[in-house]
């Protein structure tokens, strides 16, 4: 059965402002437009960057467009655009 009446959040002790609703909607739209990293944690990749050099390793963590790459020589951070899958 479908309810014909939906209780307003403001009457439940939690006021709702238009600015907070519009800000959360804008954040959801903005997140969908940001480039996403095509790699997942545990993928074997090769990172090639003029500053960090070339390293083979495994993706340890993702934060935005930055990828933490765990290698035998240590941990390096790359932009996901400087990575490619290991053959």
N, C-alpha and C. Protein backbone atom coordinates (compact mmCIF):
# COMPACT_ATOMS: atom_id res chain seq x y z
N UNK A 1 0.84 -1.17 0.00
CA UNK A 1 0.00 0.00 0.00
C UNK A 1 0.89 1.24 0.00
N UNK A 2 0.54 2.21 -0.76
CA UNK A 2 1.31 3.45 -0.88
C UNK A 2 0.75 4.49 0.06
N UNK A 3 1.64 5.18 0.77
CA UNK A 3 1.19 6.24 1.67
C UNK A 3 0.89 7.49 0.86
N UNK A 4 -0.18 8.13 1.17
CA UNK A 4 -0.55 9.37 0.49
C UNK A 4 0.11 10.57 1.14
N UNK A 5 0.59 10.41 2.37
CA UNK A 5 1.18 11.52 3.11
C UNK A 5 2.61 11.15 3.52
N UNK A 6 3.54 12.03 3.23
CA UNK A 6 4.93 11.84 3.63
C UNK A 6 5.24 12.87 4.70
N UNK A 7 5.79 12.41 5.83
CA UNK A 7 6.07 13.31 6.94
C UNK A 7 7.25 14.21 6.59
N UNK A 8 7.10 15.49 6.88
CA UNK A 8 8.13 16.48 6.61
C UNK A 8 9.27 16.32 7.61
N UNK A 9 10.52 16.39 7.13
CA UNK A 9 11.68 16.25 8.02
C UNK A 9 11.74 17.37 9.04
N UNK A 10 11.24 18.55 8.69
CA UNK A 10 11.27 19.67 9.62
C UNK A 10 10.40 19.39 10.85
N UNK A 11 9.33 18.66 10.67
CA UNK A 11 8.46 18.34 11.81
C UNK A 11 9.06 17.25 12.68
N UNK A 12 10.09 16.56 12.21
CA UNK A 12 10.72 15.50 12.99
C UNK A 12 11.90 16.01 13.78
N UNK A 13 12.09 17.32 13.87
CA UNK A 13 13.16 17.90 14.66
C UNK A 13 14.43 18.13 13.87
N UNK A 14 14.40 17.91 12.59
CA UNK A 14 15.58 18.11 11.75
C UNK A 14 15.23 19.09 10.64
N UNK A 15 15.55 20.37 10.83
CA UNK A 15 15.15 21.35 9.83
C UNK A 15 15.90 21.16 8.51
N UNK A 16 15.19 21.41 7.43
CA UNK A 16 15.76 21.26 6.09
C UNK A 16 15.80 22.64 5.46
N UNK A 17 16.98 23.02 4.98
CA UNK A 17 17.12 24.30 4.31
C UNK A 17 17.32 24.06 2.82
N UNK A 18 16.83 25.00 2.04
CA UNK A 18 16.98 24.90 0.60
C UNK A 18 18.45 24.95 0.21
N UNK A 19 19.25 25.75 0.90
CA UNK A 19 20.67 25.87 0.56
C UNK A 19 21.41 24.55 0.79
N UNK A 20 21.07 23.82 1.85
CA UNK A 20 21.74 22.54 2.09
C UNK A 20 21.31 21.50 1.06
N UNK A 21 20.03 21.52 0.67
CA UNK A 21 19.57 20.59 -0.36
C UNK A 21 20.22 20.88 -1.71
N UNK A 22 20.31 22.16 -2.05
CA UNK A 22 20.92 22.51 -3.33
C UNK A 22 22.43 22.23 -3.31
N UNK A 23 23.09 22.42 -2.18
CA UNK A 23 24.52 22.13 -2.09
C UNK A 23 24.79 20.64 -2.23
N UNK A 24 23.97 19.80 -1.61
CA UNK A 24 24.17 18.36 -1.74
C UNK A 24 23.87 17.89 -3.16
N UNK A 25 22.87 18.49 -3.80
CA UNK A 25 22.57 18.13 -5.19
C UNK A 25 23.70 18.55 -6.11
N UNK A 26 24.27 19.72 -5.87
CA UNK A 26 25.39 20.20 -6.69
C UNK A 26 26.61 19.29 -6.50
N UNK A 27 26.87 18.84 -5.28
CA UNK A 27 27.99 17.93 -5.02
C UNK A 27 27.82 16.61 -5.77
N UNK A 28 26.59 16.08 -5.82
CA UNK A 28 26.36 14.84 -6.56
C UNK A 28 26.59 15.03 -8.05
N UNK A 29 26.19 16.18 -8.59
CA UNK A 29 26.41 16.46 -10.01
C UNK A 29 27.89 16.62 -10.30
N UNK A 30 28.59 17.32 -9.41
CA UNK A 30 30.01 17.59 -9.62
C UNK A 30 30.84 16.30 -9.57
N UNK A 31 30.48 15.38 -8.70
CA UNK A 31 31.21 14.12 -8.58
C UNK A 31 31.07 13.29 -9.84
N UNK A 32 29.91 13.35 -10.49
CA UNK A 32 29.72 12.55 -11.70
C UNK A 32 30.50 13.09 -12.88
N UNK A 33 30.88 14.37 -12.84
CA UNK A 33 31.60 14.97 -13.96
C UNK A 33 33.13 14.88 -13.82
N UNK A 34 33.62 14.47 -12.67
CA UNK A 34 35.06 14.39 -12.43
C UNK A 34 35.61 13.12 -13.08
N UNK A 35 36.82 13.20 -13.68
CA UNK A 35 37.38 11.98 -14.26
C UNK A 35 37.67 10.94 -13.18
N UNK A 36 37.31 9.71 -13.47
CA UNK A 36 37.51 8.63 -12.51
C UNK A 36 38.71 7.79 -12.89
N UNK A 37 39.29 7.18 -11.90
CA UNK A 37 40.44 6.32 -12.11
C UNK A 37 39.95 4.95 -12.58
N UNK A 38 40.49 4.45 -13.71
CA UNK A 38 40.02 3.15 -14.23
C UNK A 38 40.62 1.95 -13.50
N UNK A 39 41.52 2.17 -12.55
CA UNK A 39 42.19 1.08 -11.85
C UNK A 39 41.56 0.84 -10.49
N UNK A 40 41.70 -0.38 -10.01
CA UNK A 40 41.19 -0.75 -8.70
C UNK A 40 42.35 -1.17 -7.80
N UNK A 41 42.09 -1.22 -6.52
CA UNK A 41 43.10 -1.65 -5.57
C UNK A 41 43.45 -3.10 -5.87
N UNK A 42 44.75 -3.38 -6.01
CA UNK A 42 45.22 -4.72 -6.31
C UNK A 42 45.61 -4.93 -7.76
N UNK A 43 45.32 -3.97 -8.64
CA UNK A 43 45.70 -4.09 -10.06
C UNK A 43 47.21 -3.89 -10.22
N UNK A 44 47.82 -4.70 -11.09
CA UNK A 44 49.24 -4.56 -11.41
C UNK A 44 49.37 -3.54 -12.54
N UNK A 45 50.13 -2.47 -12.29
CA UNK A 45 50.27 -1.39 -13.26
C UNK A 45 51.73 -0.95 -13.37
N UNK A 46 52.00 -0.17 -14.42
CA UNK A 46 53.31 0.45 -14.61
C UNK A 46 53.10 1.95 -14.57
N UNK A 47 53.86 2.64 -13.73
CA UNK A 47 53.79 4.09 -13.64
C UNK A 47 55.00 4.71 -14.30
N UNK A 48 54.78 5.66 -15.20
CA UNK A 48 55.87 6.33 -15.90
C UNK A 48 55.66 7.83 -15.79
N UNK A 49 56.52 8.48 -15.02
CA UNK A 49 56.40 9.91 -14.75
C UNK A 49 57.80 10.52 -14.78
N UNK A 50 57.97 11.72 -15.35
CA UNK A 50 59.32 12.31 -15.39
C UNK A 50 59.89 12.61 -14.01
N UNK A 51 59.05 12.81 -13.00
CA UNK A 51 59.54 13.14 -11.66
C UNK A 51 59.78 11.90 -10.81
N UNK A 52 58.87 10.92 -10.86
CA UNK A 52 59.00 9.71 -10.05
C UNK A 52 59.75 8.60 -10.77
N UNK A 53 59.85 8.68 -12.08
CA UNK A 53 60.50 7.62 -12.84
C UNK A 53 59.52 6.53 -13.21
N UNK A 54 60.07 5.40 -13.69
CA UNK A 54 59.23 4.28 -14.12
C UNK A 54 59.29 3.18 -13.08
N UNK A 55 58.13 2.77 -12.60
CA UNK A 55 58.04 1.73 -11.57
C UNK A 55 56.87 0.81 -11.86
N UNK A 56 57.10 -0.48 -11.63
CA UNK A 56 56.04 -1.48 -11.72
C UNK A 56 55.58 -1.80 -10.30
N UNK A 57 54.28 -1.92 -10.13
CA UNK A 57 53.80 -2.23 -8.80
C UNK A 57 52.32 -2.51 -8.78
N UNK A 58 51.78 -2.51 -7.58
CA UNK A 58 50.37 -2.82 -7.35
C UNK A 58 49.70 -1.59 -6.75
N UNK A 59 48.49 -1.30 -7.21
CA UNK A 59 47.73 -0.18 -6.69
C UNK A 59 47.33 -0.49 -5.25
N UNK A 60 47.76 0.38 -4.34
CA UNK A 60 47.47 0.17 -2.92
C UNK A 60 46.27 0.98 -2.45
N UNK A 61 46.13 2.22 -2.95
CA UNK A 61 44.97 3.02 -2.58
C UNK A 61 44.71 4.07 -3.65
N UNK A 62 43.48 4.56 -3.66
CA UNK A 62 43.05 5.58 -4.60
C UNK A 62 42.48 6.75 -3.81
N UNK A 63 42.86 7.96 -4.20
CA UNK A 63 42.29 9.15 -3.58
C UNK A 63 42.17 10.21 -4.66
N UNK A 64 40.97 10.38 -5.16
CA UNK A 64 40.75 11.32 -6.25
C UNK A 64 41.44 10.81 -7.50
N UNK A 65 42.32 11.63 -8.08
CA UNK A 65 43.06 11.19 -9.26
C UNK A 65 44.44 10.65 -8.89
N UNK A 66 44.76 10.65 -7.60
CA UNK A 66 46.07 10.16 -7.13
C UNK A 66 45.99 8.67 -6.79
N UNK A 67 47.03 7.94 -7.22
CA UNK A 67 47.10 6.51 -6.99
C UNK A 67 48.36 6.21 -6.20
N UNK A 68 48.23 5.45 -5.12
CA UNK A 68 49.38 5.02 -4.34
C UNK A 68 49.84 3.69 -4.91
N UNK A 69 51.07 3.66 -5.39
CA UNK A 69 51.62 2.48 -6.06
C UNK A 69 52.68 1.85 -5.16
N UNK A 70 52.44 0.61 -4.75
CA UNK A 70 53.40 -0.11 -3.92
C UNK A 70 54.34 -0.91 -4.80
N UNK A 71 55.63 -0.62 -4.71
CA UNK A 71 56.64 -1.30 -5.51
C UNK A 71 57.67 -1.94 -4.60
N UNK A 72 58.62 -2.65 -5.21
CA UNK A 72 59.70 -3.25 -4.44
C UNK A 72 60.63 -2.18 -3.87
N UNK A 73 60.70 -1.03 -4.53
CA UNK A 73 61.57 0.06 -4.10
C UNK A 73 60.91 0.98 -3.08
N UNK A 74 59.63 0.80 -2.83
CA UNK A 74 58.92 1.66 -1.89
C UNK A 74 57.54 2.01 -2.40
N UNK A 75 57.01 3.10 -1.86
CA UNK A 75 55.68 3.55 -2.22
C UNK A 75 55.81 4.85 -3.01
N UNK A 76 55.11 4.93 -4.14
CA UNK A 76 55.14 6.11 -4.99
C UNK A 76 53.71 6.54 -5.28
N UNK A 77 53.53 7.83 -5.48
CA UNK A 77 52.23 8.38 -5.81
C UNK A 77 52.24 8.88 -7.24
N UNK A 78 51.26 8.46 -8.02
CA UNK A 78 51.14 8.83 -9.42
C UNK A 78 49.74 9.38 -9.68
N UNK A 79 49.65 10.20 -10.69
CA UNK A 79 48.35 10.57 -11.23
C UNK A 79 47.88 9.38 -12.06
N UNK A 80 46.60 9.08 -12.05
CA UNK A 80 46.12 7.88 -12.75
C UNK A 80 46.34 7.96 -14.25
N UNK A 81 46.57 9.14 -14.79
CA UNK A 81 46.80 9.28 -16.23
C UNK A 81 48.22 8.85 -16.62
N UNK A 82 49.12 8.70 -15.63
CA UNK A 82 50.49 8.28 -15.90
C UNK A 82 50.67 6.77 -15.71
N UNK A 83 49.59 6.05 -15.52
CA UNK A 83 49.65 4.60 -15.31
C UNK A 83 49.10 3.85 -16.51
N UNK A 84 49.57 2.63 -16.67
CA UNK A 84 48.98 1.72 -17.66
C UNK A 84 49.08 0.31 -17.10
N UNK A 85 48.22 -0.55 -17.60
CA UNK A 85 48.18 -1.92 -17.09
C UNK A 85 49.44 -2.68 -17.46
N UNK A 86 49.83 -3.57 -16.59
CA UNK A 86 50.99 -4.41 -16.81
C UNK A 86 50.63 -5.50 -17.81
N UNK A 87 51.49 -5.71 -18.80
CA UNK A 87 51.22 -6.73 -19.84
C UNK A 87 51.45 -8.12 -19.35
